[in-house]
């Protein structure tokens, strides 16, 4: 019996893998096939397997074979053939067997693969067939033979490169062979002198001729230099495109020339054969036409056939293009004229209040939804989502900004810049939601612009810099900051982003970081290096240079770290000073219009150095001094290039003054003394503030600021102050410029005699005090306009209105400077005269009675400084002012405590001392109030604490390094000690006697000086007083309990209707959490304290949210039995707890449950009992199903007395 395994037979359902596996198993077992095929044809036996070959040789051994036949048989035996030219071995087992016989020394030259010899035959050899339709034969040569026989074939290609037979060479495409021959015979010229390859149209020949003339005038070095410049600026894809276009054009020209030659030859040879001539005429032109279409991708248009279908506007446009010679408009392209077809009208108009997508024109102006007066062919209609509407949406502009067409990119970028500029001016406030700046920031426009900045095209870089400048740089803010330069205590703001929960931004991706801090994201992308490269290597036009410098100015304002990075950036400062701050100003005076600012002084570059110096301080001053900045400053100071140089001179003097403030270049004053004296003399003789322009006043102020650093020139400045003080008395039109000039002169003079000549109390400078006040304005900052990741100062409020304090007629900075100088020199008479002016009194009275606006604006600092000066001035003349004026100024000092910025801690301390002055803490009033409370503590000790160090109690909470955009103290600064003690208790720290004394002092101020908290909301005051009940058991002290009960009672007696627990309160995340803490603390520590009970019952009044009532009567129902407060001591009327009637059924069930279970009883908790009984009984009187069911169940309870009370309840009358 055969022990070989039984093989599985294939089935129709077996897959290809299964068949392969069965074949491998069959070969591995070396079984005999079930059937044999015997080939009886001896001539083909060598085509079988190797064993068959051996057998065949034995059977045919008697036949004599030649050596050639034997070698041929063996050679065929070792050859592997396939029916396909690139076929693979099908059987994996055979492939594995063939791999064993690899010859390690034999490798294919192309694929570097080892070639294995095999004796396995996979199929018959099939001759490769060529498709004759793909090849071109010279039919004309055979057709046009002079004799009746074909000519002898003589190969024109004698060189055999072994890449194919002569027949293959002959039938291959002639263009390839012809190119090979031409390349071997001669070198093509570098340029085509006949016609332009790139330029097309009516002006092509003229442009080509002009280019050839220009090339002929250039040397070989110049040509190579321009070529390298083009290769550096153009994209590699564009260069390759131009080369391919040139090659295609040359192929077309050569093909046409060959066709002409062939046609001429055919015509000469076939004059006697009409049929042959017609045949040639049919074959050759058709073939030439195919080659022309194949080589040139542009399909020629059938203009004559389509002109009748062209719309009339298109015909007029084409005619106009031909007349004016517009480029690329000479050929008709119907598929591109489809956008001029009539668009089907959309009848569905939007609802008036329904928002729709905003669309803008190229100037950034918001377009109407639909304007019937503008036809489609003249509006900005395009194939967008809304073809019936003109204009482009933000999304479409963002898409176009990444277009491969340079014109589209530049247009989109400049349009985005225009939209941003108009949005920042307030054009679209409250009209677009979200604001364009915010929407573009959310779409990561900043990263898109950063990508575009890496382009090589100068046009794209210029447009990108314009868009980036518009997004980062606020021109209105920068102009106002320059106007403030020179006043007392001038500072530059740090525009830092608000704090977030993210501590480490290094792990954030770019698109995440740009939503938190746009400037930090830009710095991460090495924008400083890119701008330095652009300015140094690419050399863009003037508008791009100015935009780049203004972008750097905005980066400087981000943080001191950014200033350090910019100072240490390689070649950045060197490039700016070398190219845009040259030593000479001749180039500025030679031409009116400058097309290249390299080598010309640029105002933006000087301003950039000045702002960098203001932020960087001493280190930047040394860096600039090492770059020989003073040589340029001295050169620009005497620049005389007309009116165009005025801004340069002013900015140059400001930079000089800033360097002197950092004690750098002090020796420059000695060398420039003669120049400064001459300029001061010119001011004395020519400058009158009545007729002087704003620009001339700015120049005079900057010059005096520099001259004031030289002691010997102060006498000259004193003369100028006397002159302008006299002119001020007769001046009726006060402007920012002339008052700033006087303020700068006032700060430069140290002679008291000269300062006394300034009598502002007799001038009209206070006439517009109210109209130029920021605090009295109705404006508010447009916070929704700017993204939070890119803060700005926001000098333009809603709808583009400029803040009043920086208006043209504003004199507020001058008044603050003058009053502070009077205080420094103790000019009591002038101070009294100023404070006694009726205009000043009306201004102060309005400030005391109204809520202030724009407190956190940077520009309001000058008005706050003026108010601080007024409060400080009262210490000199407090005995000479009436009590009414003094009381108004004292109340203003209280408001200033919470309004002054955090970077002015000294002024805040002064206002605290004035607010808590001994004169205001009247001991008699304190004594009378405290004696009424029957305190156990010594009243003298409390009075001593109040009068000794009460201001020091609050000064400890003032930060020394606060930020300008934050208040130094909160509005409820009076309760800061209570918040501090509450936080201490939450951190499990025990309270001591000092904490008790602090609470007594705060409660005493609450009772004695109600003006301190008069402007606070009643909800905020209540939430702060509640914290005392949560400070362990301090409230159980008799002294604290008495003062706290009086404070809470006073607050609730007249203000309980003003309480609102749904609004957000500063420092309180949720009032629900506070109420829960009150309930828990009441259970654990209160012992039924009446004051705590009264406070706990406030939120459960019917006017407040039902949530607090449900919270108390469900989760904390157990504490109700300890609320023993009698009805007579309830401060809030009982009616507030009974009406309106309760409608919440779950709360009604809680009321009834508490009554039935005896949790609330009239004997121990009368107020909760009365509330539950009233609302339960009134609900049971209703006729709904739930009320009926409750009445039925209530009749079954054991307490019949309670059931009778509920069913027969009579509501009280009030």
Foldseek 3Di string as FASTA:
>chain_A
DDPDDDQDDDDPPDDPVVVLVSVVVCVVSVDDDPDDDDDPPLVCQLLDAPVSVVVSCVVCVVPDDDPVVVVVSVVLQFAEDDQDPDDDDDRVVVVVVQVVQWDVVDADPPPRDTDGTDRDYDDDHDDDDDDLVVWDDPPLQQVLDPDPDHDDDDQPDPDDPVPDDSVCVRRPHVLVVVVVVVVVPDDDDPDDLPWDLPFDFPCRRVVSVVVVVVVVVDDPVVVVVVVVVCVQQDDPVVVVVSVLSNVLVVSLVVLVVVLVVVLVVSCVSCVPPPVSNVVCVVPSVVVNVVSNCVSDVDDADPCVVCVVVQDPVLVVVLVVCVVVVPGPSVGDDVVVCPLVDDDDDDPDDDDPPDDDFWFADLLQDTDDQADPVADLVRFQADPDPCNRGGGDGLVRLLVQCPDPDLVSVLSSLSSLLSNLQCLLLQQCVVNDPQASLQVCLLVVVLVVLVVQCPHSHLSSVQSSLSSLLSNFFDPVQVVLLLLPPQFPPRAAAQFEFDDDPDDDCPPPDLSVVCLRAVLVSCVVVVVLVSLQCCLPPVQHWPSSVLSSLRSLLSSLSHALVSLVCNLPPPCRLVSLCQFAQPLAQVVLQPDPDDGGRGVHHDLSSLLSLQSSCRSNAPVSLVVCVVSVVVSSLVNLCPDDRPPVSLSVNLSSLSSLLSSVVSVPPPVVCVVCVVVLVVVLVCCLPPPALQPDDLSVLSNLLSSLSNVLSPVVCLVSLLSVLLVRLVSQLVHDQAWSRSLSSNLSSLVSHDDPVSLVSRQCLNGCLLVCVQQLAQFNDPFAASPSSHRSNRDDLRQQTHSSRGRSCSDTRHNLSSLLSSLVSCVVVVVLVSLVSNLPDPSNQVNLVSSLPDGTHPLLHPSNQSVLSNLLSNLVSCVSCVVPDDPVSVVSSLLVLLVSLFRAFLQPLVSNLVSLCSNLPPVLVPVVLLVVVLVVLVAPDDSVVLSCVSHPCPSVVQSVQFDNDGRSSHTRAHLVSLLVLLVVLLVCVVVVHADDVVSLSSLLNSLSCVVSPVSSCPPPQLQQVLLSLLSVLNNACSCVRSSNVSSSLVSVLVSCQPCLVRHAQPDDDPPDPHVVVVLVSLLVSCVPHVQLPQSSLLSNCSQQFPVHDCVSVCCCLPVRVQCQLSNQHDQVPRSDHLVRLQPDADDDVVSLVSLVVCVLVVSDDCVRRVSSVVSSLRNNLVQLPDDDPVSVVVLVVLCPRPPVVSNCCSPVPDDDDD
